[in-house]
Amino acid sequence: MKQPDSVIFKVLSADQWAIAEDQGEFLGAAIDLSDGYIHFSTPEQVRETVEKHFAGQADLLLIGVDSEKLGDDLKWEPSRGGALFPHLYGTLKLDCVVSVDELKLGKDGKHVFPG
């Protein structure tokens, strides 16, 4: 399936994703709940996000989301080095998800991205 140009990414553990599937929506990881919004990354930002916040972690999934379906709850706000990051002020409805891919660890200990 071809992803829309408006795709943004969320990194979750398989357990977090299983809970979201059971609930029909993703409420947020601990950091999201603490900050008051769900953190996302653009395709250009996601590798650095994974290296910075998820280094060496196994059992991760890369969730692709069509940002255009998130409506006005999605805000673009400055973060790392002034770059604009997508933040969702609300829950992630699963019908906005366009892809779910495993982020396996390579032999070098770094995550291997799909595609």
C-alpha atoms as a PDB file:
ATOM      1  CA  MET A   1       0.000   0.000   0.000  1.00  0.00           C
ATOM      2  CA  LYS A   2       1.343   3.434  -0.914  1.00  0.00           C
ATOM      3  CA  GLN A   3       1.537   5.776   2.037  1.00  0.00           C
ATOM      4  CA  PRO A   4       0.233   9.319   1.715  1.00  0.00           C
ATOM      5  CA  ASP A   5       2.805  12.137   1.593  1.00  0.00           C
ATOM      6  CA  SER A   6       1.385  13.354   4.891  1.00  0.00           C
ATOM      7  CA  VAL A   7       2.606  10.338   6.901  1.00  0.00           C
ATOM      8  CA  ILE A   8       4.083  10.891  10.369  1.00  0.00           C
ATOM      9  CA  PHE A   9       5.428   8.249  12.732  1.00  0.00           C
ATOM     10  CA  LYS A  10       4.993   7.017  16.298  1.00  0.00           C
ATOM     11  CA  VAL A  11       7.319   4.423  17.844  1.00  0.00           C
ATOM     12  CA  LEU A  12       5.590   2.006  20.216  1.00  0.00           C
ATOM     13  CA  SER A  13       6.343  -1.256  21.924  1.00  0.00           C
ATOM     14  CA  ALA A  14       4.396  -4.260  20.690  1.00  0.00           C
ATOM     15  CA  ASP A  15       2.603  -4.308  24.066  1.00  0.00           C
ATOM     16  CA  GLN A  16       1.534  -0.657  23.733  1.00  0.00           C
ATOM     17  CA  TRP A  17       0.212  -1.358  20.245  1.00  0.00           C
ATOM     18  CA  ALA A  18      -1.703  -4.434  21.427  1.00  0.00           C
ATOM     19  CA  ILE A  19      -3.437  -2.295  24.072  1.00  0.00           C
ATOM     20  CA  ALA A  20      -4.291   0.332  21.453  1.00  0.00           C
ATOM     21  CA  GLU A  21      -5.766  -2.344  19.187  1.00  0.00           C
ATOM     22  CA  ASP A  22      -7.863  -3.681  22.069  1.00  0.00           C
ATOM     23  CA  GLN A  23      -9.114  -0.179  22.940  1.00  0.00           C
ATOM     24  CA  GLY A  24      -9.591   0.945  19.333  1.00  0.00           C
ATOM     25  CA  GLU A  25      -7.410   4.007  19.951  1.00  0.00           C
ATOM     26  CA  PHE A  26      -4.017   4.964  21.343  1.00  0.00           C
ATOM     27  CA  LEU A  27      -4.189   7.176  24.419  1.00  0.00           C
ATOM     28  CA  GLY A  28      -0.459   7.803  24.642  1.00  0.00           C
ATOM     29  CA  ALA A  29       2.726   6.409  26.129  1.00  0.00           C
ATOM     30  CA  ALA A  30       3.877   7.546  29.579  1.00  0.00           C
ATOM     31  CA  ILE A  31       5.834  10.495  28.109  1.00  0.00           C
ATOM     32  CA  ASP A  32       2.807  11.527  26.028  1.00  0.00           C
ATOM     33  CA  LEU A  33       0.467  11.435  29.008  1.00  0.00           C
ATOM     34  CA  SER A  34       2.989  13.420  31.064  1.00  0.00           C
ATOM     35  CA  ASP A  35       3.452  16.083  28.355  1.00  0.00           C
ATOM     36  CA  GLY A  36      -0.249  16.319  27.465  1.00  0.00           C
ATOM     37  CA  TYR A  37       0.085  15.317  23.806  1.00  0.00           C
ATOM     38  CA  ILE A  38       1.190  12.370  21.674  1.00  0.00           C
ATOM     39  CA  HIS A  39       4.679  12.830  20.216  1.00  0.00           C
ATOM     40  CA  PHE A  40       5.190  12.055  16.527  1.00  0.00           C
ATOM     41  CA  SER A  41       8.101  12.435  14.108  1.00  0.00           C
ATOM     42  CA  THR A  42       8.243  13.225  10.405  1.00  0.00           C
ATOM     43  CA  PRO A  43      10.013  10.805   8.034  1.00  0.00           C
ATOM     44  CA  GLU A  44      13.078  13.072   8.244  1.00  0.00           C
ATOM     45  CA  GLN A  45      13.038  13.082  12.070  1.00  0.00           C
ATOM     46  CA  VAL A  46      12.122   9.507  12.960  1.00  0.00           C
ATOM     47  CA  ARG A  47      15.586   7.918  12.727  1.00  0.00           C
ATOM     48  CA  GLU A  48      17.065  10.484  15.115  1.00  0.00           C
ATOM     49  CA  THR A  49      14.085  10.052  17.441  1.00  0.00           C
ATOM     50  CA  VAL A  50      14.653   6.289  17.554  1.00  0.00           C
ATOM     51  CA  GLU A  51      18.410   6.689  18.131  1.00  0.00           C
ATOM     52  CA  LYS A  52      17.858   9.266  20.888  1.00  0.00           C
ATOM     53  CA  HIS A  53      14.926   7.724  22.777  1.00  0.00           C
ATOM     54  CA  PHE A  54      14.812   4.005  21.859  1.00  0.00           C
ATOM     55  CA  ALA A  55      18.439   2.928  21.318  1.00  0.00           C
ATOM     56  CA  GLY A  56      18.914  -0.796  21.802  1.00  0.00           C
ATOM     57  CA  GLN A  57      15.260  -1.493  22.604  1.00  0.00           C
ATOM     58  CA  ALA A  58      13.777  -4.621  21.067  1.00  0.00           C
ATOM     59  CA  ASP A  59      10.126  -5.353  20.311  1.00  0.00           C
ATOM     60  CA  LEU A  60       9.387  -1.920  18.776  1.00  0.00           C
ATOM     61  CA  LEU A  61       6.914  -1.017  16.064  1.00  0.00           C
ATOM     62  CA  LEU A  62       6.959   1.931  13.686  1.00  0.00           C
ATOM     63  CA  ILE A  63       3.392   3.195  13.318  1.00  0.00           C
ATOM     64  CA  GLY A  64       2.689   5.311  10.228  1.00  0.00           C
ATOM     65  CA  VAL A  65      -0.184   7.767  10.547  1.00  0.00           C
ATOM     66  CA  ASP A  66      -1.913   9.918   7.925  1.00  0.00           C
ATOM     67  CA  SER A  67      -1.529  13.351   9.531  1.00  0.00           C
ATOM     68  CA  GLU A  68      -4.298  14.847   7.382  1.00  0.00           C
ATOM     69  CA  LYS A  69      -6.836  12.619   9.147  1.00  0.00           C
ATOM     70  CA  LEU A  70      -5.898  14.037  12.578  1.00  0.00           C
ATOM     71  CA  GLY A  71      -7.548  17.406  11.959  1.00  0.00           C
ATOM     72  CA  ASP A  72      -7.088  20.418  14.212  1.00  0.00           C
ATOM     73  CA  ASP A  73      -5.842  18.297  17.144  1.00  0.00           C
ATOM     74  CA  LEU A  74      -2.456  18.029  15.374  1.00  0.00           C
ATOM     75  CA  LYS A  75      -0.123  20.939  16.107  1.00  0.00           C
ATOM     76  CA  TRP A  76       3.346  21.554  14.688  1.00  0.00           C
ATOM     77  CA  GLU A  77       5.559  22.842  17.483  1.00  0.00           C
ATOM     78  CA  PRO A  78       9.269  23.621  17.833  1.00  0.00           C
ATOM     79  CA  SER A  79      11.392  21.078  19.614  1.00  0.00           C
ATOM     80  CA  ARG A  80      14.898  19.751  18.955  1.00  0.00           C
ATOM     81  CA  GLY A  81      17.003  22.564  17.535  1.00  0.00           C
ATOM     82  CA  GLY A  82      13.887  24.538  16.631  1.00  0.00           C
ATOM     83  CA  ALA A  83      12.598  21.877  14.232  1.00  0.00           C
ATOM     84  CA  LEU A  84       8.825  21.580  14.060  1.00  0.00           C
ATOM     85  CA  PHE A  85       7.514  18.297  15.425  1.00  0.00           C
ATOM     86  CA  PRO A  86       3.939  16.999  15.090  1.00  0.00           C
ATOM     87  CA  HIS A  87       2.084  16.743  18.403  1.00  0.00           C
ATOM     88  CA  LEU A  88      -1.418  15.314  18.720  1.00  0.00           C
ATOM     89  CA  TYR A  89      -3.595  16.875  21.415  1.00  0.00           C
ATOM     90  CA  GLY A  90      -6.055  14.027  21.678  1.00  0.00           C
ATOM     91  CA  THR A  91      -6.176  10.291  21.143  1.00  0.00           C
ATOM     92  CA  LEU A  92      -4.958   8.505  18.042  1.00  0.00           C
ATOM     93  CA  LYS A  93      -7.863   6.798  16.305  1.00  0.00           C
ATOM     94  CA  LEU A  94      -6.681   3.608  14.649  1.00  0.00           C
ATOM     95  CA  ASP A  95      -8.412   4.421  11.359  1.00  0.00           C
ATOM     96  CA  CYS A  96      -5.691   7.087  10.867  1.00  0.00           C
ATOM     97  CA  VAL A  97      -2.958   4.415  10.885  1.00  0.00           C
ATOM     98  CA  VAL A  98      -1.619   3.552   7.433  1.00  0.00           C
ATOM     99  CA  SER A  99       1.220   1.184   8.358  1.00  0.00           C
ATOM    100  CA  VAL A 100       2.613  -0.919  11.175  1.00  0.00           C
ATOM    101  CA  ASP A 101       6.182  -2.188  10.729  1.00  0.00           C
ATOM    102  CA  GLU A 102       8.602  -3.967  13.028  1.00  0.00           C
ATOM    103  CA  LEU A 103      11.743  -2.078  14.021  1.00  0.00           C
ATOM    104  CA  LYS A 104      14.127  -4.976  14.459  1.00  0.00           C
ATOM    105  CA  LEU A 105      17.617  -4.596  15.815  1.00  0.00           C
ATOM    106  CA  GLY A 106      20.399  -5.286  13.349  1.00  0.00           C
ATOM    107  CA  LYS A 107      23.627  -7.136  14.169  1.00  0.00           C
ATOM    108  CA  ASP A 108      25.200  -3.751  14.946  1.00  0.00           C
ATOM    109  CA  GLY A 109      22.557  -3.084  17.611  1.00  0.00           C
ATOM    110  CA  LYS A 110      20.882  -0.322  15.589  1.00  0.00           C
ATOM    111  CA  HIS A 111      17.293  -0.430  14.397  1.00  0.00           C
ATOM    112  CA  VAL A 112      16.611  -1.477  10.832  1.00  0.00           C
ATOM    113  CA  PHE A 113      13.946   0.679   9.193  1.00  0.00           C
ATOM    114  CA  PRO A 114      11.503  -0.738   6.644  1.00  0.00           C
ATOM    115  CA  GLY A 115      11.786   0.035   2.978  1.00  0.00           C
END
